[in-house]
Structure formats: C-alpha cells, structure tokens
PDB file of N, CA and C in Angstrom:
ATOM      1  N   MET A   1      -3.595   0.365   4.026  1.00  0.00           N
ATOM      2  CA  MET A   1      -3.556  -1.071   3.930  1.00  0.00           C
ATOM      3  C   MET A   1      -4.077  -1.461   2.557  1.00  0.00           C
ATOM      4  N   ARG A   2      -3.432  -2.440   1.962  1.00  0.00           N
ATOM      5  CA  ARG A   2      -3.872  -2.979   0.675  1.00  0.00           C
ATOM      6  C   ARG A   2      -3.987  -4.484   0.814  1.00  0.00           C
ATOM      7  N   ALA A   3      -4.817  -5.068   0.000  1.00  0.00           N
ATOM      8  CA  ALA A   3      -4.953  -6.528   0.005  1.00  0.00           C
ATOM      9  C   ALA A   3      -4.708  -7.048  -1.405  1.00  0.00           C
ATOM     10  N   GLN A   4      -4.021  -8.167  -1.476  1.00  0.00           N
ATOM     11  CA  GLN A   4      -3.798  -8.851  -2.744  1.00  0.00           C
ATOM     12  C   GLN A   4      -3.979 -10.337  -2.504  1.00  0.00           C
ATOM     13  N   ILE A   5      -4.629 -11.007  -3.445  1.00  0.00           N
ATOM     14  CA  ILE A   5      -4.845 -12.449  -3.343  1.00  0.00           C
ATOM     15  C   ILE A   5      -4.134 -13.117  -4.512  1.00  0.00           C
ATOM     16  N   PHE A   6      -3.247 -14.050  -4.173  1.00  0.00           N
ATOM     17  CA  PHE A   6      -2.493 -14.806  -5.165  1.00  0.00           C
ATOM     18  C   PHE A   6      -2.945 -16.260  -5.143  1.00  0.00           C
ATOM     19  N   VAL A   7      -3.040 -16.872  -6.321  1.00  0.00           N
ATOM     20  CA  VAL A   7      -3.307 -18.306  -6.454  1.00  0.00           C
ATOM     21  C   VAL A   7      -2.246 -18.864  -7.390  1.00  0.00           C
ATOM     22  N   ASP A   8      -1.542 -19.878  -6.933  1.00  0.00           N
ATOM     23  CA  ASP A   8      -0.443 -20.463  -7.719  1.00  0.00           C
ATOM     24  C   ASP A   8       0.547 -19.395  -8.183  1.00  0.00           C
ATOM     25  N   ASN A   9       0.895 -18.483  -7.271  1.00  0.00           N
ATOM     26  CA  ASN A   9       1.857 -17.399  -7.527  1.00  0.00           C
ATOM     27  C   ASN A   9       1.398 -16.408  -8.589  1.00  0.00           C
ATOM     28  N   LYS A  10       0.099 -16.373  -8.890  1.00  0.00           N
ATOM     29  CA  LYS A  10      -0.444 -15.410  -9.845  1.00  0.00           C
ATOM     30  C   LYS A  10      -1.407 -14.489  -9.108  1.00  0.00           C
ATOM     31  N   LEU A  11      -1.257 -13.182  -9.352  1.00  0.00           N
ATOM     32  CA  LEU A  11      -2.142 -12.202  -8.743  1.00  0.00           C
ATOM     33  C   LEU A  11      -3.536 -12.351  -9.342  1.00  0.00           C
ATOM     34  N   ILE A  12      -4.522 -12.619  -8.486  1.00  0.00           N
ATOM     35  CA  ILE A  12      -5.891 -12.828  -8.949  1.00  0.00           C
ATOM     36  C   ILE A  12      -6.777 -11.628  -8.603  1.00  0.00           C
ATOM     37  N   PHE A  13      -6.641 -11.102  -7.390  1.00  0.00           N
ATOM     38  CA  PHE A  13      -7.424  -9.953  -6.941  1.00  0.00           C
ATOM     39  C   PHE A  13      -6.517  -8.938  -6.258  1.00  0.00           C
ATOM     40  N   THR A  14      -6.883  -7.669  -6.363  1.00  0.00           N
ATOM     41  CA  THR A  14      -6.213  -6.600  -5.637  1.00  0.00           C
ATOM     42  C   THR A  14      -7.280  -5.615  -5.179  1.00  0.00           C
ATOM     43  N   THR A  15      -6.967  -4.804  -4.188  1.00  0.00           N
ATOM     44  CA  THR A  15      -7.956  -3.855  -3.686  1.00  0.00           C
ATOM     45  C   THR A  15      -8.100  -2.678  -4.635  1.00  0.00           C
ATOM     46  N   ASP A  16      -9.324  -2.169  -4.692  1.00  0.00           N
ATOM     47  CA  ASP A  16      -9.618  -0.979  -5.478  1.00  0.00           C
ATOM     48  C   ASP A  16      -9.762   0.224  -4.551  1.00  0.00           C
ATOM     49  N   THR A  17      -9.673  -0.020  -3.263  1.00  0.00           N
ATOM     50  CA  THR A  17      -9.811   1.033  -2.266  1.00  0.00           C
ATOM     51  C   THR A  17      -8.615   0.983  -1.328  1.00  0.00           C
ATOM     52  N   ALA A  18      -8.424   2.037  -0.599  1.00  0.00           N
ATOM     53  CA  ALA A  18      -7.354   2.077   0.400  1.00  0.00           C
ATOM     54  C   ALA A  18      -7.991   2.294   1.766  1.00  0.00           C
ATOM     55  N   ALA A  19      -7.407   1.707   2.785  1.00  0.00           N
ATOM     56  CA  ALA A  19      -7.877   1.885   4.155  1.00  0.00           C
ATOM     57  C   ALA A  19      -6.693   2.292   5.015  1.00  0.00           C
ATOM     58  N   HIS A  20      -6.974   3.078   6.027  1.00  0.00           N
ATOM     59  CA  HIS A  20      -5.924   3.491   6.951  1.00  0.00           C
ATOM     60  C   HIS A  20      -5.387   2.288   7.714  1.00  0.00           C
ATOM     61  N   VAL A  21      -4.182   2.366   8.137  1.00  0.00           N
ATOM     62  CA  VAL A  21      -3.566   1.302   8.925  1.00  0.00           C
ATOM     63  C   VAL A  21      -4.296   1.186  10.259  1.00  0.00           C
ATOM     64  N   ILE A  22      -4.534  -0.046  10.689  1.00  0.00           N
ATOM     65  CA  ILE A  22      -5.203  -0.275  11.972  1.00  0.00           C
ATOM     66  C   ILE A  22      -4.204   0.014  13.089  1.00  0.00           C
ATOM     67  N   THR A  23      -4.536   0.988  13.932  1.00  0.00           N
ATOM     68  CA  THR A  23      -3.646   1.319  15.043  1.00  0.00           C
ATOM     69  C   THR A  23      -4.216   0.868  16.377  1.00  0.00           C
ATOM     70  N   ASP A  24      -5.519   0.582  16.427  1.00  0.00           N
ATOM     71  CA  ASP A  24      -6.156   0.139  17.669  1.00  0.00           C
ATOM     72  C   ASP A  24      -6.919  -1.143  17.383  1.00  0.00           C
ATOM     73  N   PHE A  25      -6.225  -2.268  17.501  1.00  0.00           N
ATOM     74  CA  PHE A  25      -6.811  -3.565  17.172  1.00  0.00           C
ATOM     75  C   PHE A  25      -8.044  -3.875  18.014  1.00  0.00           C
ATOM     76  N   GLU A  26      -8.083  -3.417  19.260  1.00  0.00           N
ATOM     77  CA  GLU A  26      -9.214  -3.693  20.157  1.00  0.00           C
ATOM     78  C   GLU A  26     -10.491  -2.999  19.686  1.00  0.00           C
ATOM     79  N   GLN A  27     -10.367  -1.889  18.984  1.00  0.00           N
ATOM     80  CA  GLN A  27     -11.536  -1.131  18.542  1.00  0.00           C
ATOM     81  C   GLN A  27     -11.897  -1.383  17.082  1.00  0.00           C
ATOM     82  N   THR A  28     -11.071  -2.115  16.372  1.00  0.00           N
ATOM     83  CA  THR A  28     -11.317  -2.386  14.957  1.00  0.00           C
ATOM     84  C   THR A  28     -11.770  -3.830  14.802  1.00  0.00           C
ATOM     85  N   HIS A  29     -12.977  -4.010  14.275  1.00  0.00           N
ATOM     86  CA  HIS A  29     -13.539  -5.349  14.138  1.00  0.00           C
ATOM     87  C   HIS A  29     -13.579  -5.822  12.692  1.00  0.00           C
ATOM     88  N   GLU A  30     -13.692  -4.894  11.765  1.00  0.00           N
ATOM     89  CA  GLU A  30     -13.714  -5.271  10.352  1.00  0.00           C
ATOM     90  C   GLU A  30     -13.390  -4.066   9.486  1.00  0.00           C
ATOM     91  N   ILE A  31     -12.927  -4.346   8.292  1.00  0.00           N
ATOM     92  CA  ILE A  31     -12.665  -3.316   7.286  1.00  0.00           C
ATOM     93  C   ILE A  31     -13.232  -3.826   5.970  1.00  0.00           C
ATOM     94  N   ASP A  32     -14.006  -2.993   5.298  1.00  0.00           N
ATOM     95  CA  ASP A  32     -14.556  -3.360   3.998  1.00  0.00           C
ATOM     96  C   ASP A  32     -13.609  -2.884   2.901  1.00  0.00           C
ATOM     97  N   LEU A  33     -13.190  -3.811   2.065  1.00  0.00           N
ATOM     98  CA  LEU A  33     -12.336  -3.486   0.928  1.00  0.00           C
ATOM     99  C   LEU A  33     -12.984  -4.020  -0.343  1.00  0.00           C
ATOM    100  N   LEU A  34     -12.949  -3.250  -1.405  1.00  0.00           N
ATOM    101  CA  LEU A  34     -13.474  -3.681  -2.692  1.00  0.00           C
ATOM    102  C   LEU A  34     -12.345  -4.339  -3.472  1.00  0.00           C
ATOM    103  N   LEU A  35     -12.543  -5.601  -3.840  1.00  0.00           N
ATOM    104  CA  LEU A  35     -11.528  -6.336  -4.600  1.00  0.00           C
ATOM    105  C   LEU A  35     -11.866  -6.310  -6.087  1.00  0.00           C
ATOM    106  N   ARG A  36     -10.852  -6.162  -6.904  1.00  0.00           N
ATOM    107  CA  ARG A  36     -10.996  -6.180  -8.363  1.00  0.00           C
ATOM    108  C   ARG A  36     -10.206  -7.348  -8.921  1.00  0.00           C
ATOM    109  N   GLY A  37     -10.791  -8.040  -9.870  1.00  0.00           N
ATOM    110  CA  GLY A  37     -10.088  -9.129 -10.537  1.00  0.00           C
ATOM    111  C   GLY A  37      -8.983  -8.596 -11.434  1.00  0.00           C
ATOM    112  N   VAL A  38      -7.885  -9.325 -11.508  1.00  0.00           N
ATOM    113  CA  VAL A  38      -6.740  -8.940 -12.333  1.00  0.00           C
ATOM    114  C   VAL A  38      -6.643  -9.933 -13.479  1.00  0.00           C
ATOM    115  N   ARG A  39      -6.512  -9.430 -14.681  1.00  0.00           N
ATOM    116  CA  ARG A  39      -6.413 -10.317 -15.846  1.00  0.00           C
ATOM    117  C   ARG A  39      -4.995 -10.465 -16.280  1.00  0.00           C
TER     118      ARG A  39
END
C-alpha cells in the first residue's frame, strides 16, 4: 500500500515506506506510514 496526498492536483506528500495490503480489515486498526514532502 502506498499513500499520496494531492492539493490542487499537485503531489504534496508521498510515502517513504511500504506496507502490506490489508487482508483482514477486522484485525487491522491502523498503519503507520512515513510521509515525505515532494518539491
């Protein structure tokens, strides 16, 4: 899983880490991802 945050159609943040896909939603409560600013 990756995360990207866009503001006004511009990429502002992207993940610096990767996480496995959530396969058991009932057992997964949170995932910590490190976001990096994009210039």
